[in-house]
Protein backbone atom coordinates (compact mmCIF):
# COMPACT_ATOMS: atom_id res chain seq x y z
CA UNK A 1 111.61 83.23 104.85
CA UNK A 2 108.90 82.61 102.26
CA UNK A 3 107.30 85.75 100.86
CA UNK A 4 103.50 85.87 101.05
CA UNK A 5 101.26 87.02 98.20
CA UNK A 6 100.26 89.95 100.39
CA UNK A 7 103.90 91.00 100.81
CA UNK A 8 104.43 90.67 97.06
CA UNK A 9 101.37 92.81 96.42
CA UNK A 10 102.62 95.55 98.73
CA UNK A 11 106.08 95.50 97.12
CA UNK A 12 104.42 95.93 93.74
CA UNK A 13 102.27 98.78 95.07
CA UNK A 14 105.35 100.60 96.33
CA UNK A 15 106.92 100.20 92.88
CA UNK A 16 103.86 101.99 91.52
CA UNK A 17 104.26 104.82 94.02
CA UNK A 18 101.64 103.64 96.55
CA UNK A 19 102.92 103.62 100.12
CA UNK A 20 100.87 105.76 102.55
CA UNK A 21 97.63 105.56 104.58
CA UNK A 22 95.22 108.09 106.04
CA UNK A 23 93.53 105.71 108.51
CA UNK A 24 95.00 104.08 111.63
CA UNK A 25 92.55 101.22 112.29
CA UNK A 26 93.52 97.58 112.73
CA UNK A 27 93.76 95.78 109.35
CA UNK A 28 90.75 93.73 108.26
CA UNK A 29 92.29 90.79 106.44
CA UNK A 30 90.27 88.91 103.89
CA UNK A 31 90.05 87.76 100.30
CA UNK A 32 88.92 90.16 97.60
CA UNK A 33 87.37 88.86 94.37
CA UNK A 34 87.13 85.24 95.50
CA UNK A 35 84.27 85.12 93.00
CA UNK A 36 83.63 87.38 90.01
CA UNK A 37 80.32 88.51 91.56
CA UNK A 38 82.16 89.86 94.62
CA UNK A 39 83.17 93.01 92.71
CA UNK A 40 80.37 94.83 90.91
CA UNK A 41 80.86 98.21 89.22
CA UNK A 42 77.99 100.28 87.85
CA UNK A 43 78.69 103.45 85.92
CA UNK A 44 76.98 106.63 87.14
CA UNK A 45 75.99 108.91 84.27
CA UNK A 46 76.27 112.70 84.30
CA UNK A 47 72.56 112.85 85.11
CA UNK A 48 73.10 110.66 88.18
CA UNK A 49 71.63 107.42 86.79
CA UNK A 50 73.29 104.27 88.13
CA UNK A 51 73.42 101.68 85.36
CA UNK A 52 72.14 98.18 86.08
CA UNK A 53 74.13 94.95 85.73
CA UNK A 54 70.89 93.14 84.89
CA UNK A 55 69.42 92.86 81.42
CA UNK A 56 66.58 95.25 80.64
CA UNK A 57 63.78 94.86 78.15
CA UNK A 58 64.79 96.67 74.96
CA UNK A 59 62.99 99.96 74.40
CA UNK A 60 60.94 100.11 71.22
CA UNK A 61 62.63 103.16 69.73
CA UNK A 62 63.43 104.09 66.14
CA UNK A 63 66.62 105.55 64.71
CA UNK A 64 66.06 108.87 62.93
CA UNK A 65 68.97 109.44 60.51
CA UNK A 66 68.21 113.16 60.31
CA UNK A 67 68.55 113.55 64.06
CA UNK A 68 70.53 110.58 65.40
CA UNK A 69 74.26 110.09 64.81
CA UNK A 70 75.02 107.02 66.94
CA UNK A 71 73.62 104.03 68.78
CA UNK A 72 74.05 104.09 72.56
CA UNK A 73 73.88 100.92 74.67
CA UNK A 74 74.90 99.41 77.99
CA UNK A 75 77.68 96.81 78.06
CA UNK A 76 77.56 94.35 80.94
CA UNK A 77 80.83 92.45 80.98
CA UNK A 78 82.95 90.14 83.11
CA UNK A 79 86.57 88.93 82.93
CA UNK A 80 87.33 91.37 80.12
CA UNK A 81 88.81 94.86 80.04
CA UNK A 82 87.03 97.73 78.31
CA UNK A 83 89.53 98.01 75.44
CA UNK A 84 89.22 94.32 74.56
CA UNK A 85 85.42 94.50 74.82
CA UNK A 86 85.50 97.43 72.39
CA UNK A 87 87.73 95.49 70.00
CA UNK A 88 85.36 92.50 70.17
CA UNK A 89 82.36 94.72 69.33
CA UNK A 90 84.19 96.46 66.48
CA UNK A 91 85.05 93.11 64.91
CA UNK A 92 81.47 91.88 65.26
CA UNK A 93 80.05 95.06 63.73
CA UNK A 94 82.79 95.29 61.06
CA UNK A 95 83.53 98.91 61.95
CA UNK A 96 86.85 100.73 62.57
CA UNK A 97 87.89 100.67 66.26
CA UNK A 98 87.47 104.45 66.58
CA UNK A 99 83.75 104.12 65.78
CA UNK A 100 83.27 102.49 69.21
CA UNK A 101 83.49 104.88 72.17
CA UNK A 102 83.01 104.72 75.92
CA UNK A 103 83.03 107.10 78.89
CA UNK A 104 85.38 105.23 81.23
CA UNK A 105 87.54 102.13 81.52
CA UNK A 106 86.26 99.44 83.88
CA UNK A 107 87.92 96.65 85.85
CA UNK A 108 88.78 93.31 84.18
CA UNK A 109 88.13 91.07 87.19
CA UNK A 110 84.60 92.22 87.96
CA UNK A 111 81.04 92.40 86.72
CA UNK A 112 80.67 95.88 85.25
CA UNK A 113 78.02 97.97 83.52
CA UNK A 114 78.99 100.93 81.35
CA UNK A 115 77.74 102.99 78.43
CA UNK A 116 79.13 102.59 74.90
CA UNK A 117 78.24 104.19 71.58
CA UNK A 118 78.85 103.07 68.01
CA UNK A 119 78.63 105.47 65.09
CA UNK A 120 75.47 105.18 62.98
CA UNK A 121 72.43 102.93 63.26
CA UNK A 122 73.50 99.56 64.68
CA UNK A 123 70.44 98.82 66.77
CA UNK A 124 69.42 95.57 65.08
CA UNK A 125 73.00 94.28 64.86
CA UNK A 126 73.50 94.82 68.60
CA UNK A 127 70.23 93.08 69.48
CA UNK A 128 71.62 89.92 67.86
CA UNK A 129 75.04 90.08 69.54
CA UNK A 130 76.01 87.00 71.60
CA UNK A 131 79.14 86.56 73.71
CA UNK A 132 80.01 84.55 76.83
CA UNK A 133 81.48 87.54 78.68
CA UNK A 134 79.52 90.46 77.22
CA UNK A 135 75.80 91.26 77.37
CA UNK A 136 74.27 94.17 75.45
CA UNK A 137 71.17 95.88 76.81
CA UNK A 138 69.27 99.20 76.77
CA UNK A 139 69.98 99.86 73.07
CA UNK A 140 68.65 103.15 71.71
CA UNK A 141 69.51 105.94 69.27
CA UNK A 142 71.68 108.88 70.34
CA UNK A 143 72.15 112.36 68.92
CA UNK A 144 75.88 112.34 69.75
CA UNK A 145 78.66 109.84 70.34
CA UNK A 146 79.78 109.39 73.93
CA UNK A 147 83.07 110.99 74.94
CA UNK A 148 85.80 109.72 77.25
CA UNK A 149 85.30 111.16 80.72
CA UNK A 150 81.61 111.97 80.24
CA UNK A 151 80.40 110.24 83.40
CA UNK A 152 79.95 111.25 87.03
CA UNK A 153 81.63 108.21 88.51
CA UNK A 154 80.95 104.63 89.59
CA UNK A 155 78.85 102.79 92.16
CA UNK A 156 80.41 99.74 93.82
CA UNK A 157 79.13 96.65 95.62
CA UNK A 158 82.08 94.67 96.97
CA UNK A 159 82.29 91.55 99.13
CA UNK A 160 85.36 90.82 101.24
CA UNK A 161 85.42 87.18 102.36
CA UNK A 162 87.39 84.75 104.53
CA UNK A 163 88.02 87.31 107.26
CA UNK A 164 89.64 85.63 110.28
CA UNK A 165 87.23 87.12 112.82
CA UNK A 166 83.47 86.83 112.84
CA UNK A 167 81.50 89.88 111.74
CA UNK A 168 80.37 90.79 115.26
CA UNK A 169 84.00 90.87 116.45
CA UNK A 170 85.03 93.51 113.90
CA UNK A 171 81.94 95.74 113.94
CA UNK A 172 83.67 98.25 116.22
CA UNK A 173 86.73 98.44 113.94
CA UNK A 174 84.51 98.86 110.89
CA UNK A 175 82.59 101.71 112.55
CA UNK A 176 85.85 103.45 113.54
CA UNK A 177 87.27 102.99 110.03
CA UNK A 178 84.11 104.42 108.46
CA UNK A 179 84.33 107.48 110.71
CA UNK A 180 88.01 108.03 109.82
CA UNK A 181 87.33 107.68 106.08
CA UNK A 182 84.41 110.11 106.28
CA UNK A 183 86.64 112.56 108.19
CA UNK A 184 90.02 112.27 106.45
CA UNK A 185 89.18 110.58 103.16
CA UNK A 186 91.76 108.34 101.49
CA UNK A 187 94.75 109.01 99.22
CA UNK A 188 93.59 109.50 95.64
CA UNK A 189 96.20 107.14 94.25
CA UNK A 190 95.90 105.64 90.80
CA UNK A 191 95.20 101.99 91.67
CA UNK A 192 97.04 98.89 90.55
CA UNK A 193 94.60 98.43 87.64
CA UNK A 194 96.23 101.51 86.14
CA UNK A 195 99.57 99.75 86.00
CA UNK A 196 98.49 96.13 85.52
CA UNK A 197 97.15 93.82 88.22
CA UNK A 198 99.35 90.83 87.39
CA UNK A 199 102.12 92.71 85.55
CA UNK A 200 102.34 96.19 87.10
CA UNK A 201 104.70 97.63 84.50
CA UNK A 202 102.69 99.93 82.24
CA UNK A 203 104.43 102.98 83.74
CA UNK A 204 107.81 101.45 82.88
CA UNK A 205 106.71 100.81 79.31
CA UNK A 206 105.28 104.34 79.17
CA UNK A 207 108.53 105.93 80.36
CA UNK A 208 110.49 104.10 77.64
CA UNK A 209 107.99 105.32 75.04
CA UNK A 210 108.31 108.94 76.13
CA UNK A 211 112.09 108.62 75.86
CA UNK A 212 111.81 107.06 72.38
CA UNK A 213 113.33 103.79 73.65
CA UNK A 214 110.91 101.51 71.79
CA UNK A 215 113.11 98.41 71.90
CA UNK A 216 113.12 98.59 75.69
CA UNK A 217 109.37 99.33 75.70
CA UNK A 218 108.59 96.24 73.61
CA UNK A 219 110.91 94.02 75.61
CA UNK A 220 109.36 95.11 78.91
CA UNK A 221 105.87 94.54 77.47
CA UNK A 222 106.68 91.10 76.06
CA UNK A 223 109.31 89.46 78.23
CA UNK A 224 109.42 90.83 81.76
CA UNK A 225 108.06 88.31 84.28
CA UNK A 226 106.19 89.32 87.46
CA UNK A 227 105.40 87.20 90.54
CA UNK A 228 101.58 87.27 90.27
CA UNK A 229 101.47 85.89 86.71
CA UNK A 230 100.25 82.37 86.09
CA UNK A 231 103.08 79.86 85.81
CA UNK A 232 102.24 78.94 82.22
CA UNK A 233 102.36 82.64 81.27
CA UNK A 234 105.79 83.00 82.85
CA UNK A 235 107.01 79.99 80.88
CA UNK A 236 105.66 81.38 77.62
CA UNK A 237 107.34 84.75 78.16
CA UNK A 238 110.61 82.97 78.79
CA UNK A 239 110.16 80.95 75.61
CA UNK A 240 109.31 84.11 73.67
CA UNK A 241 112.45 85.85 74.94
CA UNK A 242 114.73 82.96 73.99
CA UNK A 243 113.32 82.15 70.54
CA UNK A 244 115.12 83.12 67.38
CA UNK A 245 112.09 82.29 65.22
CA UNK A 246 109.08 84.43 66.06
CA UNK A 247 107.11 83.06 63.09
CA UNK A 248 107.28 79.58 64.60
CA UNK A 249 106.03 80.84 67.95
CA UNK A 250 103.05 82.48 66.25
CA UNK A 251 101.92 79.08 64.93
CA UNK A 252 101.34 77.84 68.49
CA UNK A 253 100.25 81.05 70.16
CA UNK A 254 98.43 80.40 73.48
CA UNK A 255 95.04 81.78 74.38
CA UNK A 256 95.26 85.27 75.72
CA UNK A 257 98.28 87.47 75.07
CA UNK A 258 96.10 89.50 72.68
CA UNK A 259 98.23 92.61 72.80
CA UNK A 260 101.57 90.81 72.79
CA UNK A 261 100.55 89.10 69.57
CA UNK A 262 100.06 92.47 67.84
CA UNK A 263 103.65 93.43 68.67
CA UNK A 264 105.08 90.07 67.59
CA UNK A 265 103.17 90.16 64.29
CA UNK A 266 104.96 93.42 63.47
CA UNK A 267 108.34 92.13 64.59
CA UNK A 268 107.96 89.13 62.29
CA UNK A 269 107.85 91.60 59.40
CA UNK A 270 110.91 93.49 60.67
CA UNK A 271 112.68 92.36 63.84
CA UNK A 272 114.41 95.72 64.24
CA UNK A 273 111.39 98.01 63.81
CA UNK A 274 110.41 98.24 67.47
CA UNK A 275 108.74 101.61 66.97
CA UNK A 276 106.19 100.21 64.52
CA UNK A 277 105.74 97.16 66.73
CA UNK A 278 104.93 99.30 69.76
CA UNK A 279 102.41 101.40 67.83
CA UNK A 280 100.73 98.23 66.54
CA UNK A 281 98.98 98.24 69.93
CA UNK A 282 95.46 99.77 69.94
CA UNK A 283 95.62 103.56 70.16
CA UNK A 284 93.67 103.70 73.48
CA UNK A 285 96.12 101.19 75.00
CA UNK A 286 99.17 103.18 73.85
CA UNK A 287 97.63 106.29 75.40
CA UNK A 288 96.87 104.37 78.60
CA UNK A 289 100.38 102.94 78.85
CA UNK A 290 102.12 106.27 78.27
CA UNK A 291 99.85 108.22 80.61
CA UNK A 292 100.41 105.60 83.33
CA UNK A 293 103.91 107.04 83.74
CA UNK A 294 102.25 110.35 84.62
CA UNK A 295 100.05 108.45 87.09
CA UNK A 296 103.10 106.85 88.67
CA UNK A 297 104.72 110.26 89.26
CA UNK A 298 101.47 111.55 90.81
CA UNK A 299 101.36 108.54 93.17
CA UNK A 300 104.95 109.18 94.18
CA UNK A 301 104.10 112.80 95.00
CA UNK A 302 101.23 111.82 97.33
CA UNK A 303 103.39 109.21 99.07
CA UNK A 304 106.19 111.71 99.64
CA UNK A 305 103.72 114.22 101.11
CA UNK A 306 102.41 111.57 103.53
CA UNK A 307 105.97 110.54 104.48
CA UNK A 308 106.73 114.19 105.28
CA UNK A 309 103.88 114.17 107.81
CA UNK A 310 101.62 116.60 105.96
CA UNK A 311 97.84 115.98 105.81
CA UNK A 312 96.00 115.23 102.59
CA UNK A 313 92.56 116.51 103.59
CA UNK A 314 93.61 119.85 105.12
CA UNK A 315 95.66 122.47 103.25
CA UNK A 316 99.16 123.59 104.16
CA UNK A 317 100.82 126.81 103.03
CA UNK A 318 101.39 126.78 99.28
CA UNK A 319 98.62 124.27 98.45
CA UNK A 320 96.44 124.91 95.43
CA UNK A 321 92.79 124.37 96.41
CA UNK A 322 89.92 123.64 94.03
CA UNK A 323 86.27 124.32 94.86
CA UNK A 324 84.14 121.20 94.28
CA UNK A 325 81.12 121.28 91.99
CA UNK A 326 79.12 119.50 94.71
CA UNK A 327 79.99 118.00 98.13
CA UNK A 328 82.40 115.06 97.66
CA UNK A 329 82.21 115.70 93.92
CA UNK A 330 84.49 116.79 91.11
CA UNK A 331 87.00 119.64 91.29
CA UNK A 332 86.24 122.78 89.33
CA UNK A 333 88.50 125.29 87.58
CA UNK A 334 87.92 127.71 90.46
CA UNK A 335 91.17 127.52 92.41
CA UNK A 336 92.80 129.44 95.26
CA UNK A 337 96.23 129.33 96.82
CA UNK A 338 96.21 128.66 100.56
CA UNK A 339 98.73 130.80 102.44
CA UNK A 340 98.79 129.13 105.82
CA UNK A 341 96.10 131.30 107.40
CA UNK A 342 97.69 134.57 106.30
CA UNK A 343 95.91 134.95 102.97
CA UNK A 344 92.89 137.16 102.39
CA UNK A 345 90.82 134.15 101.31
CA UNK A 346 92.17 131.49 103.70
CA UNK A 347 89.20 131.62 106.11
CA UNK A 348 86.78 131.03 103.21
CA UNK A 349 88.92 128.12 101.99
CA UNK A 350 88.83 126.43 105.41
CA UNK A 351 85.06 126.92 105.56
CA UNK A 352 84.72 125.20 102.17
CA UNK A 353 86.74 122.24 103.50
CA UNK A 354 84.45 122.05 106.52
CA UNK A 355 81.44 121.72 104.21
CA UNK A 356 83.23 119.20 101.93
CA UNK A 357 83.19 121.66 99.04
CA UNK A 358 86.97 121.94 98.53
CA UNK A 359 89.94 119.70 97.78
CA UNK A 360 93.71 120.02 97.41
CA UNK A 361 94.97 119.41 93.90
CA UNK A 362 98.38 118.38 92.60
CA UNK A 363 99.55 118.26 88.97
CA UNK A 364 99.53 115.30 86.67
CA UNK A 365 102.67 116.39 84.89
CA UNK A 366 102.70 117.31 81.21
CA UNK A 367 104.76 119.60 79.03
CA UNK A 368 102.48 122.57 79.81
CA UNK A 369 102.55 122.10 83.59
CA UNK A 370 103.95 125.03 85.58
CA UNK A 371 105.25 123.69 88.87
CA UNK A 372 105.39 127.24 90.23
CA UNK A 373 101.57 127.11 90.33
CA UNK A 374 101.88 124.41 93.03
CA UNK A 375 104.36 125.79 95.61
CA UNK A 376 103.74 123.06 98.20
CA UNK A 377 104.36 120.31 95.65
CA UNK A 378 107.08 121.94 93.51
CA UNK A 379 110.07 120.59 95.48
CA UNK A 380 108.46 117.13 95.69
CA UNK A 381 108.02 116.86 91.91
CA UNK A 382 111.50 118.20 91.19
CA UNK A 383 112.93 115.51 93.45
CA UNK A 384 110.89 112.77 91.72
CA UNK A 385 111.91 113.90 88.21
CA UNK A 386 115.54 113.89 89.27
CA UNK A 387 115.18 110.35 90.65
CA UNK A 388 113.52 109.22 87.40
CA UNK A 389 116.12 110.98 85.22
CA UNK A 390 113.25 112.55 83.30
CA UNK A 391 112.64 116.13 82.18
CA UNK A 392 109.33 117.94 81.73
CA UNK A 393 109.91 118.68 78.04
CA UNK A 394 110.05 114.94 77.33
CA UNK A 395 106.26 114.87 77.66
CA UNK A 396 106.17 116.92 74.45
CA UNK A 397 107.15 114.05 72.14
CA UNK A 398 106.90 113.50 68.40
CA UNK A 399 103.47 111.83 68.67
CA UNK A 400 101.78 114.69 70.53
CA UNK A 401 99.41 115.22 67.58
CA UNK A 402 97.91 111.80 68.41
CA UNK A 403 98.53 111.61 72.15
CA UNK A 404 98.34 114.92 73.98
CA UNK A 405 100.17 115.02 77.30
CA UNK A 406 99.72 118.68 78.17
CA UNK A 407 99.22 117.94 81.85
CA UNK A 408 96.28 118.46 84.17
CA UNK A 409 95.51 118.23 87.90
CA UNK A 410 93.93 115.74 90.28
CA UNK A 411 92.65 115.83 93.88
CA UNK A 412 95.11 114.29 96.34
CA UNK A 413 92.36 112.75 98.48
CA UNK A 414 88.77 111.63 98.05
CA UNK A 415 85.78 110.68 100.17
CA UNK A 416 83.20 108.06 99.17
CA UNK A 417 79.49 108.91 98.98
CA UNK A 418 76.82 106.77 100.66
CA UNK A 419 79.36 104.44 102.30
CA UNK A 420 77.61 101.43 103.89
CA UNK A 421 79.14 98.33 105.45
CA UNK A 422 77.09 95.26 106.32
CA UNK A 423 77.41 91.51 106.67
CA UNK A 424 77.79 89.71 103.34
CA UNK A 425 75.78 86.74 102.14
CA UNK A 426 77.31 83.34 101.50
CA UNK A 427 77.54 82.82 97.76
CA UNK A 428 75.07 80.23 96.40
CA UNK A 429 73.37 80.01 99.81
CA UNK A 430 71.41 83.26 99.73
CA UNK A 431 69.93 84.57 102.00
CA UNK A 432 72.25 83.01 104.63
CA UNK A 433 74.67 85.54 106.13
CA UNK A 434 78.41 84.93 105.91
CA UNK A 435 79.91 85.19 109.43
CA UNK A 436 83.34 85.83 107.89
CA UNK A 437 82.32 88.24 105.13
CA UNK A 438 81.49 91.92 104.78
CA UNK A 439 79.78 93.89 102.03
CA UNK A 440 80.73 97.45 101.16
CA UNK A 441 78.53 99.76 99.09
CA UNK A 442 79.61 103.26 98.01
CA UNK A 443 80.01 105.65 95.09
CA UNK A 444 83.15 107.42 93.90
CA UNK A 445 83.77 110.22 91.40
CA UNK A 446 85.28 109.22 88.05
CA UNK A 447 88.96 108.39 88.06
CA UNK A 448 88.89 107.24 91.70
CA UNK A 449 89.80 103.65 92.53
CA UNK A 450 87.71 101.47 94.86
CA UNK A 451 90.71 99.18 95.43
CA UNK A 452 92.62 102.13 96.93
CA UNK A 453 89.77 102.70 99.39
CA UNK A 454 89.78 98.97 100.24
CA UNK A 455 93.54 99.11 100.79
CA UNK A 456 92.85 101.50 103.68
CA UNK A 457 90.59 98.86 105.25
CA UNK A 458 92.82 95.84 104.66
CA UNK A 459 96.24 97.50 105.03
CA UNK A 460 99.44 95.63 104.29
CA UNK A 461 102.75 95.02 105.98
CA UNK A 462 105.41 97.62 105.25
């Protein structure tokens, strides 16, 4: 029997630890990202401002060197990941890569708007920047550089097209799904973007790096072929694996493969120095790849909890509960242990859940994580680590001065804010409605994946 793309996608998701649902509605099949404009992501700042994906008139402001340390601006991009956009800007401005900073990483296959800063006064240089996939707008001076994680979250406008039924036929299912999501939330998995959409292997590369197996890390990064890759990319990886002359391959390097080329350039200098080759990758990418192994373990933990029949949105005995900073918002450092209704604070905890001011948290493992702090999850994580043949102290590696993997925590479920579903418009025929398309609009806290929410709507064969 021929395997469908949908089946392949679900197999890849399971390999990244994603395998459970919180909703029980009939799947809404359709095509996501049939056009780049079908997936729009706007960063939400800490003050609550939703950035625009449209160009704005530049403010007439002046840089004061006694007060201002950086230039802040909005990057509107498409078909480009945040790290590559940063690299492109650094090359244009002739500055070191670490002079460019951003608050969060955005999707490659989307139109996105996000804040960047560059050290010093670069206002005039940025006004003259031209690129097919990047637009710079809202340039102004800033007293401080932006920091990773300094955002509230993201606002999404997403079209799902080519649904088999007409919109009126699925309105009841959509209403039921919306009610279930608002009641139970959805699993707070790290989405496939975290592991690679076409080559979901960053967690494998990351595991090798933690173990100091850099030859295996480089070979997985360069050579391993995955079903969703373009055919010409598969052929090039095969050629790269079989060649005995890397210098010759570099002469005819295809478009793309930006990061692979950095590794190969190092291997040309010394074919046995896989450690240097791996760390030739941009520092943010190395950090992303290694931490994706932590993300994979977290995903596995949520899936195992679901498979055991335990809820995600209501606590069980031994759960560690965090009080949210605002309804449906971010977890705080105020935590309580739920004791199955027998604890002195359990009634207050349940009341906080009723008012959407509490969440259950699980660890993102690091060398400082104490599993005893998470009694409900401790046996789950121990089982996963045994399956992965990995020990906690291996997070404390020789590069911890550059990449800190102390460990942290993350909510195991999330609920969207301002969730709206309506009939989409036919592209290029606006304002005509698409009888086989729906539009979803919602906001999510930082670190939460819209594609994971959409997975609950579309569902896939097991």
